Amino acid sequence: MQIMIGAVQAFTRKCVLDLQANPEKAAAWLEKNPILVTALNPLIGYAEGAKLVKAAVERGVTVRELAVDLAGKGELIHIHDGRPLDPEEIEAALSDIRKLTEGGIVS
């Protein structure tokens, strides 16, 4: 038991104390995560979102970059009314990516 206590104390002292998150790096990782397409599903639908993620990965860009680019060209269509989406609508859906990491339904 003493060995375990010593190990936990050493781990805490050497690995946990003074540990801090890097918010900029975390935000960059989140921005690159393809799962962000779920925020666009109400606008473009699941199937189109899956195509968007695949194309973004193939091109080496983020989902946001590709979606904004396609919307700017009029190539991203709203699932319910068939109209081209504006880049502003894409940005609005992805405006608070931190909120997307919280539980519950985002509205």
C-alpha atoms as a PDB file:
ATOM      1  CA  MET A   1       0.000   0.000   0.000  1.00  0.00           C
ATOM      2  CA  GLN A   2       2.891   2.371   0.777  1.00  0.00           C
ATOM      3  CA  ILE A   3       4.379   1.771  -2.652  1.00  0.00           C
ATOM      4  CA  MET A   4       1.058   2.636  -4.284  1.00  0.00           C
ATOM      5  CA  ILE A   5       0.714   5.793  -2.185  1.00  0.00           C
ATOM      6  CA  GLY A   6       4.253   6.828  -3.133  1.00  0.00           C
ATOM      7  CA  ALA A   7       3.571   6.158  -6.811  1.00  0.00           C
ATOM      8  CA  VAL A   8       0.374   8.223  -6.782  1.00  0.00           C
ATOM      9  CA  GLN A   9       2.126  11.080  -4.985  1.00  0.00           C
ATOM     10  CA  ALA A  10       5.041  11.013  -7.426  1.00  0.00           C
ATOM     11  CA  PHE A  11       2.682  10.919 -10.402  1.00  0.00           C
ATOM     12  CA  THR A  12       0.719  13.844  -9.006  1.00  0.00           C
ATOM     13  CA  ARG A  13       3.844  15.882  -8.285  1.00  0.00           C
ATOM     14  CA  LYS A  14       5.602  15.192 -11.595  1.00  0.00           C
ATOM     15  CA  CYS A  15       2.696  14.877 -14.042  1.00  0.00           C
ATOM     16  CA  VAL A  16      -0.409  16.615 -12.735  1.00  0.00           C
ATOM     17  CA  LEU A  17       0.571  19.675 -10.731  1.00  0.00           C
ATOM     18  CA  ASP A  18       1.003  22.803 -12.849  1.00  0.00           C
ATOM     19  CA  LEU A  19      -0.614  21.074 -15.823  1.00  0.00           C
ATOM     20  CA  GLN A  20      -2.514  23.620 -17.929  1.00  0.00           C
ATOM     21  CA  ALA A  21      -4.585  23.368 -21.059  1.00  0.00           C
ATOM     22  CA  ASN A  22      -3.529  25.204 -24.183  1.00  0.00           C
ATOM     23  CA  PRO A  23      -6.798  26.845 -25.329  1.00  0.00           C
ATOM     24  CA  GLU A  24      -5.436  27.905 -28.716  1.00  0.00           C
ATOM     25  CA  LYS A  25      -4.217  24.421 -29.575  1.00  0.00           C
ATOM     26  CA  ALA A  26      -7.443  22.834 -28.330  1.00  0.00           C
ATOM     27  CA  ALA A  27      -9.518  25.229 -30.443  1.00  0.00           C
ATOM     28  CA  ALA A  28      -7.386  24.416 -33.498  1.00  0.00           C
ATOM     29  CA  TRP A  29      -7.875  20.668 -32.959  1.00  0.00           C
ATOM     30  CA  LEU A  30     -11.599  21.169 -32.560  1.00  0.00           C
ATOM     31  CA  GLU A  31     -11.770  23.259 -35.742  1.00  0.00           C
ATOM     32  CA  LYS A  32     -10.106  20.412 -37.675  1.00  0.00           C
ATOM     33  CA  ASN A  33     -12.460  17.745 -36.298  1.00  0.00           C
ATOM     34  CA  PRO A  34     -14.792  16.458 -39.035  1.00  0.00           C
ATOM     35  CA  ILE A  35     -17.556  15.872 -36.489  1.00  0.00           C
ATOM     36  CA  LEU A  36     -18.335  19.590 -36.707  1.00  0.00           C
ATOM     37  CA  VAL A  37     -20.377  18.755 -39.774  1.00  0.00           C
ATOM     38  CA  THR A  38     -23.159  17.695 -37.417  1.00  0.00           C
ATOM     39  CA  ALA A  39     -23.844  21.390 -36.838  1.00  0.00           C
ATOM     40  CA  LEU A  40     -24.592  21.671 -40.545  1.00  0.00           C
ATOM     41  CA  ASN A  41     -26.896  18.636 -40.705  1.00  0.00           C
ATOM     42  CA  PRO A  42     -30.069  20.708 -40.092  1.00  0.00           C
ATOM     43  CA  LEU A  43     -29.086  22.826 -43.110  1.00  0.00           C
ATOM     44  CA  ILE A  44     -27.694  20.265 -45.553  1.00  0.00           C
ATOM     45  CA  GLY A  45     -28.759  16.867 -44.221  1.00  0.00           C
ATOM     46  CA  TYR A  46     -26.770  13.875 -43.053  1.00  0.00           C
ATOM     47  CA  ALA A  47     -25.930  12.431 -46.486  1.00  0.00           C
ATOM     48  CA  GLU A  48     -24.645  15.741 -47.848  1.00  0.00           C
ATOM     49  CA  GLY A  49     -22.725  16.280 -44.618  1.00  0.00           C
ATOM     50  CA  ALA A  50     -21.006  12.916 -45.057  1.00  0.00           C
ATOM     51  CA  LYS A  51     -20.007  13.883 -48.614  1.00  0.00           C
ATOM     52  CA  LEU A  52     -18.729  17.216 -47.319  1.00  0.00           C
ATOM     53  CA  VAL A  53     -16.519  15.541 -44.709  1.00  0.00           C
ATOM     54  CA  LYS A  54     -15.119  13.095 -47.255  1.00  0.00           C
ATOM     55  CA  ALA A  55     -14.297  15.922 -49.674  1.00  0.00           C
ATOM     56  CA  ALA A  56     -12.746  18.042 -46.912  1.00  0.00           C
ATOM     57  CA  VAL A  57     -10.498  15.173 -45.817  1.00  0.00           C
ATOM     58  CA  GLU A  58      -9.470  14.445 -49.412  1.00  0.00           C
ATOM     59  CA  ARG A  59      -8.615  18.124 -50.010  1.00  0.00           C
ATOM     60  CA  GLY A  60      -6.872  18.590 -46.665  1.00  0.00           C
ATOM     61  CA  VAL A  61      -9.124  21.451 -45.544  1.00  0.00           C
ATOM     62  CA  THR A  62     -11.536  21.885 -42.659  1.00  0.00           C
ATOM     63  CA  VAL A  63     -15.250  21.253 -43.002  1.00  0.00           C
ATOM     64  CA  ARG A  64     -15.840  24.961 -42.368  1.00  0.00           C
ATOM     65  CA  GLU A  65     -13.447  26.039 -45.122  1.00  0.00           C
ATOM     66  CA  LEU A  66     -14.996  23.715 -47.677  1.00  0.00           C
ATOM     67  CA  ALA A  67     -18.590  24.487 -46.678  1.00  0.00           C
ATOM     68  CA  VAL A  68     -18.014  28.244 -46.855  1.00  0.00           C
ATOM     69  CA  ASP A  69     -16.275  27.853 -50.217  1.00  0.00           C
ATOM     70  CA  LEU A  70     -19.086  25.733 -51.666  1.00  0.00           C
ATOM     71  CA  ALA A  71     -21.752  28.052 -50.266  1.00  0.00           C
ATOM     72  CA  GLY A  72     -19.963  31.008 -51.822  1.00  0.00           C
ATOM     73  CA  LYS A  73     -20.164  29.262 -55.187  1.00  0.00           C
ATOM     74  CA  GLY A  74     -23.849  28.449 -54.669  1.00  0.00           C
ATOM     75  CA  GLU A  75     -23.092  24.714 -54.591  1.00  0.00           C
ATOM     76  CA  LEU A  76     -24.376  23.958 -51.080  1.00  0.00           C
ATOM     77  CA  ILE A  77     -28.143  23.555 -51.063  1.00  0.00           C
ATOM     78  CA  HIS A  78     -30.536  23.853 -48.098  1.00  0.00           C
ATOM     79  CA  ILE A  79     -32.114  20.474 -47.461  1.00  0.00           C
ATOM     80  CA  HIS A  80     -35.653  21.740 -46.835  1.00  0.00           C
ATOM     81  CA  ASP A  81     -36.250  24.534 -49.322  1.00  0.00           C
ATOM     82  CA  GLY A  82     -33.718  23.735 -52.064  1.00  0.00           C
ATOM     83  CA  ARG A  83     -32.147  27.198 -52.105  1.00  0.00           C
ATOM     84  CA  PRO A  84     -28.394  27.792 -52.150  1.00  0.00           C
ATOM     85  CA  LEU A  85     -26.951  28.490 -48.714  1.00  0.00           C
ATOM     86  CA  ASP A  86     -25.061  31.683 -47.990  1.00  0.00           C
ATOM     87  CA  PRO A  87     -21.582  31.539 -46.463  1.00  0.00           C
ATOM     88  CA  GLU A  88     -23.034  33.559 -43.560  1.00  0.00           C
ATOM     89  CA  GLU A  89     -25.433  30.713 -42.768  1.00  0.00           C
ATOM     90  CA  ILE A  90     -22.525  28.285 -42.576  1.00  0.00           C
ATOM     91  CA  GLU A  91     -20.572  30.631 -40.325  1.00  0.00           C
ATOM     92  CA  ALA A  92     -23.624  31.135 -38.106  1.00  0.00           C
ATOM     93  CA  ALA A  93     -24.108  27.369 -37.700  1.00  0.00           C
ATOM     94  CA  LEU A  94     -20.429  26.964 -36.788  1.00  0.00           C
ATOM     95  CA  SER A  95     -20.059  30.230 -34.876  1.00  0.00           C
ATOM     96  CA  ASP A  96     -19.628  28.726 -31.421  1.00  0.00           C
ATOM     97  CA  ILE A  97     -17.813  25.429 -31.870  1.00  0.00           C
ATOM     98  CA  ARG A  98     -17.120  25.240 -28.134  1.00  0.00           C
ATOM     99  CA  LYS A  99     -20.883  25.087 -27.533  1.00  0.00           C
ATOM    100  CA  LEU A 100     -21.056  22.101 -29.866  1.00  0.00           C
ATOM    101  CA  THR A 101     -18.910  20.090 -27.444  1.00  0.00           C
ATOM    102  CA  GLU A 102     -21.495  20.421 -24.673  1.00  0.00           C
ATOM    103  CA  GLY A 103     -24.241  17.859 -24.207  1.00  0.00           C
ATOM    104  CA  GLY A 104     -27.806  18.321 -25.305  1.00  0.00           C
ATOM    105  CA  ILE A 105     -29.446  19.580 -28.429  1.00  0.00           C
ATOM    106  CA  VAL A 106     -27.940  22.708 -29.959  1.00  0.00           C
ATOM    107  CA  SER A 107     -30.540  25.132 -31.213  1.00  0.00           C
END
